[in-house]
Amino acid sequence: MMNLKTDELLVKLEEQHKVHQSTSEEIDDLVKKQNDYLDKLIIELQPVYEWYSKKEYMFTHPNLKLKSGSGPILGYDENENEVIVLNVEKKRIEKVYLHDNKERKPYSTYRLVKHGYFEDAVNGLMYLEIMLDNYISRNNDSLSDLKLELSRFE
């Protein structure tokens, strides 16, 4: 018979179990904090999102090359080819299939955080001032191009 050190192994496993429980609790706590942060941000900036919607601006994102008419972009699921957006009108987060944007599934801030989209979500939610600066910059570029083209024929 092999000389198994069962008691030592059980002691070690018990220690590892405590560490695992402790780190799991810490993870849950941080997920809750990120979730709460997103919820507060959405509530605080809702009037700004509504302003953008009324003016019919497309929402863009600093890191994701996507646009949304319904609200800020919070993430992109490459595997499912779905974009996660805050629907300003319905005041809820939705996951939208890119090739059929009528297919909209409710999505929670908790799932957003659990699936690793916290930074993308914060960046999308806080992109408001820069987003309009970009639109103005593009207009200025177009104006310059149009004036230059016209000047060649005047």
Protein backbone atom coordinates (compact mmCIF):
# COMPACT_ATOMS: atom_id res chain seq x y z
CA MET A 1 0.00 0.00 0.00
CA MET A 2 1.17 3.49 -0.87
CA ASN A 3 2.09 5.87 1.90
CA LEU A 4 -0.58 8.55 1.33
CA LYS A 5 -0.46 11.57 3.58
CA THR A 6 -4.21 12.05 3.65
CA ASP A 7 -4.28 14.22 6.77
CA GLU A 8 -1.66 16.62 5.37
CA LEU A 9 -3.53 16.81 2.09
CA LEU A 10 -6.81 17.57 3.86
CA VAL A 11 -5.15 20.36 5.87
CA LYS A 12 -3.69 21.85 2.68
CA LEU A 13 -7.04 21.59 0.88
CA GLU A 14 -8.80 23.30 3.77
CA GLU A 15 -6.31 26.21 3.58
CA GLN A 16 -6.76 26.47 -0.18
CA HIS A 17 -10.54 26.40 0.27
CA LYS A 18 -10.34 29.38 2.65
CA VAL A 19 -8.20 31.33 0.18
CA HIS A 20 -10.59 30.47 -2.64
CA GLN A 21 -13.61 31.58 -0.59
CA SER A 22 -11.91 34.81 0.40
CA THR A 23 -10.87 35.72 -3.16
CA SER A 24 -14.32 34.77 -4.48
CA GLU A 25 -15.95 37.12 -1.96
CA GLU A 26 -13.54 39.89 -2.96
CA ILE A 27 -14.38 39.34 -6.64
CA ASP A 28 -18.12 39.48 -5.88
CA ASP A 29 -17.59 42.70 -3.94
CA LEU A 30 -15.66 44.35 -6.79
CA VAL A 31 -18.21 43.21 -9.38
CA LYS A 32 -20.93 44.80 -7.22
CA LYS A 33 -18.92 48.05 -6.96
CA GLN A 34 -18.41 48.17 -10.74
CA ASN A 35 -22.09 47.40 -11.26
CA ASP A 36 -23.14 50.20 -8.87
CA TYR A 37 -20.73 52.62 -10.57
CA LEU A 38 -22.28 51.92 -13.98
CA ASP A 39 -25.83 52.27 -12.64
CA LYS A 40 -24.99 55.66 -11.08
CA LEU A 41 -23.23 56.86 -14.23
CA ILE A 42 -26.22 55.91 -16.40
CA ILE A 43 -28.67 57.70 -14.11
CA GLU A 44 -26.47 60.80 -13.80
CA LEU A 45 -25.86 61.16 -17.54
CA GLN A 46 -29.36 60.16 -18.75
CA PRO A 47 -30.31 63.80 -19.58
CA VAL A 48 -27.21 64.08 -21.79
CA TYR A 49 -28.05 60.84 -23.61
CA GLU A 50 -31.59 62.13 -24.14
CA TRP A 51 -30.21 65.40 -25.54
CA TYR A 52 -28.06 63.47 -28.05
CA SER A 53 -31.07 61.35 -29.05
CA LYS A 54 -33.35 64.36 -29.56
CA LYS A 55 -30.70 65.95 -31.79
CA GLU A 56 -30.52 62.63 -33.69
CA TYR A 57 -26.78 62.17 -33.28
CA MET A 58 -25.34 58.70 -33.75
CA PHE A 59 -23.54 57.42 -30.65
CA THR A 60 -19.94 56.33 -31.20
CA HIS A 61 -17.29 54.76 -28.98
CA PRO A 62 -13.63 55.70 -28.46
CA ASN A 63 -12.30 52.15 -28.99
CA LEU A 64 -15.00 50.29 -30.92
CA LYS A 65 -15.62 51.20 -34.56
CA LEU A 66 -19.40 51.01 -34.21
CA LYS A 67 -22.30 53.45 -34.29
CA SER A 68 -25.67 53.31 -32.58
CA GLY A 69 -28.77 55.40 -33.02
CA SER A 70 -30.43 54.11 -29.88
CA GLY A 71 -27.80 55.09 -27.30
CA PRO A 72 -24.25 54.83 -25.97
CA ILE A 73 -22.23 51.76 -26.97
CA LEU A 74 -21.15 49.73 -23.93
CA GLY A 75 -19.43 46.74 -25.47
CA TYR A 76 -19.12 44.37 -28.39
CA ASP A 77 -19.40 40.60 -28.19
CA GLU A 78 -17.25 39.32 -31.08
CA ASN A 79 -18.36 35.70 -30.68
CA GLU A 80 -22.03 36.56 -31.05
CA ASN A 81 -21.49 39.61 -33.33
CA GLU A 82 -23.67 41.61 -30.97
CA VAL A 83 -23.25 45.15 -29.72
CA ILE A 84 -24.29 46.09 -26.19
CA VAL A 85 -26.01 49.48 -26.05
CA LEU A 86 -27.91 51.62 -23.59
CA ASN A 87 -31.30 52.18 -25.20
CA VAL A 88 -31.98 55.78 -24.18
CA GLU A 89 -35.68 55.71 -25.02
CA LYS A 90 -36.41 52.45 -23.15
CA LYS A 91 -33.89 53.27 -20.39
CA ARG A 92 -32.44 49.77 -20.47
CA ILE A 93 -29.31 48.00 -21.69
CA GLU A 94 -29.76 45.77 -24.71
CA LYS A 95 -27.68 43.31 -26.69
CA VAL A 96 -28.32 43.82 -30.38
CA TYR A 97 -27.40 41.46 -33.20
CA LEU A 98 -25.47 43.56 -35.73
CA HIS A 99 -27.05 42.04 -38.84
CA ASP A 100 -30.61 42.35 -37.55
CA ASN A 101 -30.93 45.22 -35.11
CA LYS A 102 -34.61 44.44 -34.55
CA GLU A 103 -33.43 41.49 -32.45
CA ARG A 104 -32.86 43.18 -29.08
CA LYS A 105 -32.31 41.26 -25.86
CA PRO A 106 -32.36 42.95 -22.43
CA TYR A 107 -28.94 42.89 -20.78
CA SER A 108 -28.06 43.85 -17.20
CA THR A 109 -25.19 45.97 -15.89
CA TYR A 110 -24.33 42.94 -13.75
CA ARG A 111 -23.83 40.75 -16.85
CA LEU A 112 -21.91 43.58 -18.50
CA VAL A 113 -19.44 43.62 -15.61
CA LYS A 114 -19.33 39.81 -15.20
CA HIS A 115 -18.48 39.40 -18.89
CA GLY A 116 -15.61 41.90 -18.74
CA TYR A 117 -17.14 44.95 -20.44
CA PHE A 118 -16.77 47.42 -17.54
CA GLU A 119 -14.05 49.57 -19.14
CA ASP A 120 -15.73 49.58 -22.55
CA ALA A 121 -19.00 50.56 -20.90
CA VAL A 122 -17.49 53.44 -18.89
CA ASN A 123 -15.61 54.68 -21.97
CA GLY A 124 -18.79 54.57 -24.05
CA LEU A 125 -20.90 56.28 -21.39
CA MET A 126 -18.37 59.08 -20.83
CA TYR A 127 -17.49 59.74 -24.48
CA LEU A 128 -20.11 62.47 -24.79
CA GLU A 129 -18.09 65.67 -25.07
CA ILE A 130 -15.39 64.18 -27.28
CA MET A 131 -18.00 62.58 -29.53
CA LEU A 132 -19.44 65.97 -30.54
CA ASP A 133 -15.93 67.44 -30.93
CA ASN A 134 -15.25 64.63 -33.43
CA TYR A 135 -18.40 65.46 -35.39
CA ILE A 136 -17.39 69.13 -35.52
CA SER A 137 -13.86 68.20 -36.60
CA ARG A 138 -15.24 66.01 -39.41
CA ASN A 139 -17.49 68.86 -40.54
CA ASN A 140 -14.52 71.23 -40.59
CA ASP A 141 -12.54 68.74 -42.69
CA SER A 142 -15.46 68.44 -45.12
CA LEU A 143 -15.81 72.22 -45.32
CA SER A 144 -12.12 72.58 -46.16
CA ASP A 145 -12.33 69.87 -48.82
CA LEU A 146 -15.47 71.35 -50.39
CA LYS A 147 -14.03 74.90 -50.44
CA LEU A 148 -10.80 73.61 -51.98
CA GLU A 149 -12.67 71.67 -54.67
CA LEU A 150 -14.84 74.69 -55.49
CA SER A 151 -11.86 77.06 -55.59
CA ARG A 152 -10.29 74.95 -58.35
CA PHE A 153 -13.20 75.78 -60.66
CA GLU A 154 -14.01 79.37 -59.72
